[in-house]
Protein backbone atom coordinates (compact mmCIF):
# COMPACT_ATOMS: atom_id res chain seq x y z
CA MET A 1 0.00 0.00 0.00
CA PHE A 2 2.80 2.42 0.96
CA PHE A 3 4.63 1.67 -2.30
CA CYS A 4 1.52 2.40 -4.39
CA ILE A 5 0.88 5.69 -2.57
CA ARG A 6 4.53 6.72 -2.95
CA THR A 7 4.51 5.86 -6.67
CA ARG A 8 1.38 7.88 -7.34
CA LEU A 9 2.79 10.80 -5.35
CA CYS A 10 5.93 10.71 -7.50
CA TYR A 11 3.80 10.82 -10.65
CA ILE A 12 1.87 13.81 -9.32
CA LEU A 13 5.03 15.69 -8.35
CA ALA A 14 6.59 14.94 -11.75
CA ALA A 15 3.48 16.18 -13.54
CA LEU A 16 3.34 19.53 -11.70
CA PRO A 17 6.14 21.22 -13.68
CA ILE A 18 4.62 19.95 -16.93
CA ALA A 19 1.24 21.42 -16.04
CA VAL A 20 2.77 24.74 -14.95
CA PHE A 21 4.87 25.09 -18.11
CA ALA A 22 1.97 24.09 -20.34
CA LEU A 23 -0.20 26.83 -18.85
CA SER A 24 2.57 29.42 -19.04
CA GLY A 25 3.58 28.80 -22.65
CA GLY A 26 6.49 26.41 -22.16
CA PRO A 27 9.55 26.13 -19.88
CA PRO A 28 11.56 29.28 -19.13
CA TYR A 29 14.91 29.86 -20.88
CA ASN A 30 17.00 29.57 -17.72
CA VAL A 31 18.54 26.99 -15.38
CA LEU A 32 15.15 26.07 -13.92
CA GLY A 33 13.76 25.39 -17.38
CA TRP A 34 16.83 23.37 -18.34
CA LEU A 35 16.56 21.20 -15.23
CA ALA A 36 12.85 20.65 -15.77
CA VAL A 37 13.33 19.58 -19.39
CA LYS A 38 16.31 17.39 -18.53
CA PHE A 39 14.76 15.46 -15.65
CA VAL A 40 10.99 15.73 -16.21
CA PHE A 41 10.37 15.94 -19.97
CA ASN A 42 13.30 13.95 -21.39
CA PRO A 43 12.39 10.62 -19.72
CA PHE A 44 9.16 10.66 -21.76
CA LYS A 45 10.90 11.57 -25.02
CA ARG A 46 10.59 9.21 -27.96
CA GLU A 47 13.37 9.24 -30.52
CA ASN A 48 12.69 10.56 -34.01
CA GLU A 49 12.85 7.20 -35.79
CA LYS A 50 14.50 7.71 -39.19
CA THR A 51 16.20 4.34 -39.44
CA GLU A 52 15.36 2.16 -42.41
CA TYR A 53 16.32 -1.43 -43.15
CA LEU A 54 14.00 -2.26 -46.06
CA THR A 55 15.88 -0.27 -48.68
CA LYS A 56 15.24 -2.74 -51.53
CA LEU A 57 11.71 -4.00 -50.99
CA PRO A 58 10.02 -5.14 -54.22
CA LYS A 59 6.38 -4.54 -55.02
CA ARG A 60 4.06 -7.40 -54.10
CA GLN A 61 2.29 -8.73 -57.19
CA GLY A 62 -1.44 -9.31 -57.43
CA GLU A 63 -4.35 -8.11 -55.36
CA GLN A 64 -4.20 -7.68 -51.62
CA PRO A 65 -5.86 -10.46 -49.64
CA GLN A 66 -9.31 -9.99 -48.16
CA MET A 67 -9.32 -9.60 -44.40
CA GLY A 68 -11.68 -10.90 -41.75
CA THR A 69 -14.35 -8.59 -40.37
CA PHE A 70 -13.22 -8.80 -36.73
CA ALA A 71 -10.63 -6.38 -35.35
CA VAL A 72 -9.00 -9.23 -33.44
CA PRO A 73 -7.67 -11.65 -34.26
CA GLN A 74 -6.59 -9.91 -37.48
CA ARG A 75 -6.44 -12.55 -40.23
CA GLN A 76 -6.65 -12.82 -43.99
CA ARG A 77 -9.30 -15.15 -45.32
CA ASP A 78 -9.04 -15.57 -49.10
CA ARG A 79 -7.04 -17.51 -51.69
CA CYS A 80 -3.80 -15.67 -50.87
CA ARG A 81 -3.14 -18.12 -48.05
CA PRO A 82 -0.08 -20.26 -48.81
CA ARG A 83 -0.39 -23.95 -49.60
CA ARG A 84 0.67 -26.53 -47.03
CA ARG A 85 4.23 -26.96 -48.33
CA LYS A 86 4.80 -23.19 -48.35
CA LYS A 87 3.41 -22.94 -44.81
CA CYS A 88 5.97 -25.47 -43.58
CA LYS A 89 8.75 -23.67 -45.44
CA LEU A 90 7.79 -20.29 -43.98
CA MET A 91 7.67 -21.57 -40.41
CA ALA A 92 10.96 -23.41 -40.87
CA GLU A 93 12.64 -20.21 -42.11
CA HIS A 94 11.04 -18.19 -39.30
CA ASP A 95 12.13 -20.64 -36.58
CA LEU A 96 15.63 -21.00 -38.02
CA PHE A 97 16.11 -17.23 -38.10
CA PHE A 98 15.41 -16.85 -34.40
CA THR A 99 17.44 -19.93 -33.53
CA ARG A 100 20.45 -18.37 -35.28
CA ASN A 101 19.91 -15.14 -33.37
CA ALA A 102 19.20 -16.57 -29.92
CA GLN A 103 21.64 -14.07 -28.37
CA ILE A 104 19.21 -11.29 -29.27
CA ALA A 105 15.74 -12.84 -29.20
CA ASN A 106 13.93 -15.53 -27.24
CA ARG A 107 10.54 -17.17 -27.88
CA PRO A 108 8.08 -17.01 -24.98
CA PRO A 109 4.32 -17.30 -25.61
CA SER A 110 2.85 -14.22 -27.22
CA MET A 111 1.23 -11.83 -24.75
CA LEU A 112 -1.25 -10.75 -27.44
CA GLU A 113 -2.08 -14.20 -28.87
CA LYS A 114 -1.44 -16.98 -26.38
CA TYR A 115 -1.78 -19.76 -28.97
CA THR A 116 1.55 -18.93 -30.60
CA ASP A 117 5.10 -18.09 -29.55
CA ALA A 118 6.45 -14.60 -30.15
CA ALA A 119 9.98 -13.33 -30.62
CA HIS A 120 11.03 -10.96 -27.83
CA VAL A 121 14.25 -9.03 -27.33
CA CYS A 122 16.41 -10.72 -24.68
CA ILE A 123 16.94 -9.08 -21.31
CA GLY A 124 20.11 -6.98 -21.40
CA VAL A 125 19.69 -5.73 -24.97
CA LEU A 126 19.20 -1.95 -25.12
CA LEU A 127 15.73 -1.24 -26.52
CA THR A 128 14.38 1.39 -28.85
CA ALA A 129 11.29 3.28 -27.69
CA VAL A 130 8.89 1.22 -29.79
CA ALA A 131 10.34 -2.02 -28.39
CA ALA A 132 9.95 -0.74 -24.84
CA GLN A 133 6.35 0.22 -25.61
CA MET A 134 5.72 -3.30 -26.95
CA LYS A 135 7.34 -4.83 -23.85
CA ARG A 136 10.24 -6.29 -25.88
CA LYS A 137 8.06 -7.98 -28.49
CA ILE A 138 9.46 -8.21 -32.03
CA CYS A 139 6.95 -10.30 -33.97
CA HIS A 140 4.85 -13.45 -34.03
CA ALA A 141 3.73 -15.73 -36.87
CA HIS A 142 0.24 -17.18 -37.07
CA GLY A 143 1.49 -20.71 -37.57
CA THR A 144 -1.82 -22.39 -36.77
CA SER A 145 -4.03 -20.32 -39.07
CA ASP A 146 -3.31 -18.15 -42.14
CA HIS A 147 0.49 -17.86 -41.64
CA SER A 148 0.51 -14.09 -41.78
CA ILE A 149 2.91 -12.37 -39.40
CA HIS A 150 2.56 -9.39 -37.04
CA VAL A 151 5.76 -7.36 -36.81
CA THR A 152 7.00 -4.10 -35.32
CA LEU A 153 8.95 -1.94 -37.79
CA SER A 154 10.53 1.49 -37.87
CA LEU A 155 8.22 4.22 -39.16
CA ILE A 156 9.98 4.40 -42.53
CA ASP A 157 9.99 0.62 -43.00
CA CYS A 158 6.36 0.41 -41.91
CA LYS A 159 5.38 2.96 -44.57
CA ARG A 160 7.45 1.19 -47.24
CA ALA A 161 6.05 -2.27 -46.45
CA ILE A 162 2.46 -1.00 -46.66
CA GLU A 163 3.01 1.04 -49.83
CA SER A 164 4.75 -1.94 -51.48
CA GLY A 165 1.68 -4.08 -50.81
CA TRP A 166 3.20 -6.50 -48.28
CA GLY A 167 0.90 -5.74 -45.39
CA GLN A 168 -1.36 -3.35 -43.55
CA ARG A 169 -1.52 -1.77 -40.14
CA PHE A 170 -2.88 -3.79 -37.25
CA SER A 171 -6.56 -3.00 -36.77
CA LEU A 172 -5.98 -1.36 -33.36
CA ALA A 173 -2.53 0.16 -34.00
CA GLY A 174 -2.11 3.53 -32.36
CA THR A 175 -4.63 2.83 -29.59
CA LYS A 176 -4.34 2.12 -25.87
CA LEU A 177 -7.34 -0.19 -25.76
CA PHE A 178 -5.44 -3.33 -24.70
CA LYS A 179 -3.44 -1.39 -22.10
CA ASP A 180 -6.50 0.27 -20.60
CA LEU A 181 -8.62 -2.90 -20.53
CA THR A 182 -5.86 -4.92 -18.82
CA LEU A 183 -4.70 -2.14 -16.46
CA GLY A 184 -1.27 -2.04 -18.07
CA HIS A 185 -0.65 -5.78 -18.42
CA LEU A 186 -0.76 -5.55 -22.22
CA PRO A 187 0.96 -2.75 -24.15
CA ALA A 188 -0.45 0.21 -26.00
CA ILE A 189 -0.10 -0.84 -29.64
CA PRO A 190 2.16 1.52 -31.66
CA LEU A 191 1.40 2.74 -35.17
CA GLU A 192 4.46 0.78 -36.36
CA TYR A 193 2.79 -2.57 -35.63
CA ILE A 194 1.62 -4.15 -38.89
CA LEU A 195 0.32 -7.41 -40.33
CA VAL A 196 2.48 -8.92 -43.11
CA TYR A 197 0.49 -11.00 -45.57
CA ALA A 198 1.19 -14.73 -45.85
CA PRO A 199 3.69 -15.49 -48.64
CA ARG A 200 2.42 -17.44 -51.66
CA ASN A 201 5.70 -18.79 -53.08
CA GLU A 202 9.42 -19.21 -52.37
CA GLU A 203 10.30 -15.69 -53.49
CA GLU A 204 7.70 -14.13 -51.22
CA ILE A 205 8.95 -16.19 -48.27
CA GLN A 206 12.36 -14.55 -48.68
CA VAL A 207 10.80 -11.08 -48.81
CA VAL A 208 8.69 -11.76 -45.72
CA MET A 209 11.79 -12.94 -43.86
CA GLN A 210 13.53 -9.75 -44.95
CA ILE A 211 10.73 -7.82 -43.24
CA VAL A 212 11.05 -10.00 -40.12
CA LYS A 213 14.79 -9.27 -40.07
CA ALA A 214 14.11 -5.53 -40.32
CA SER A 215 11.79 -5.92 -37.33
CA GLY A 216 14.62 -7.53 -35.38
CA TYR A 217 16.88 -4.58 -36.12
CA CYS A 218 14.43 -1.79 -35.33
CA VAL A 219 13.81 -2.92 -31.73
CA GLN A 220 17.45 -2.88 -30.55
CA VAL A 221 19.80 0.07 -30.22
CA ARG A 222 23.06 -0.19 -32.22
CA TYR A 223 22.97 -4.01 -32.33
CA PRO A 224 25.08 -4.52 -29.15
CA LEU A 225 25.30 -8.29 -29.66
CA GLY A 226 26.13 -8.15 -33.37
CA ARG A 227 24.20 -8.03 -36.62
CA LEU A 228 21.40 -10.50 -37.29
CA LYS A 229 22.30 -13.64 -39.19
């Protein structure tokens, strides 16, 4: 009880300078303003994400798949689903990728979809803001259904993947619905969280894995444990 009261009191005290400066037109240009920005505003700062890893992403051929009517779980439902052999190939490539990079990512059950494992950044790896918001989650594949993949990308890569026809934003991206309904147990879903369509052939499997690799890069700062393999 004491810890909860103390934590809430700290939040209130931290919010006071923000409220004062907001009402007065911003922080003053002096030492007081510098200290306030340094220790009160900066901890909430999110970096201006300009990093891109999908520099050579081809256009996806054909029409985009039709999607289910429910917001969750987000799934595609038409003929664009891969055949059985391609499904096995995709999951084998996906599993092998994270096995090769076990020093960076582990595979606990997904916090958003408990019926599948999800790749998470290992403890000790310095996170980007979007990875911290997603509670270390990188991606998860829907291996028991349509074999699409949910991934977290940088803003530039997210835009490029969508414009190239490889996916679309998660239905509830940019909302705090999950976080509010679970009292903080689940994360607020960032705008950079997208669904990548299931690949239909060998070439598309390689492109999808390229997107998964970009997701692995965008959630860690300066690749402290080496580049992804």
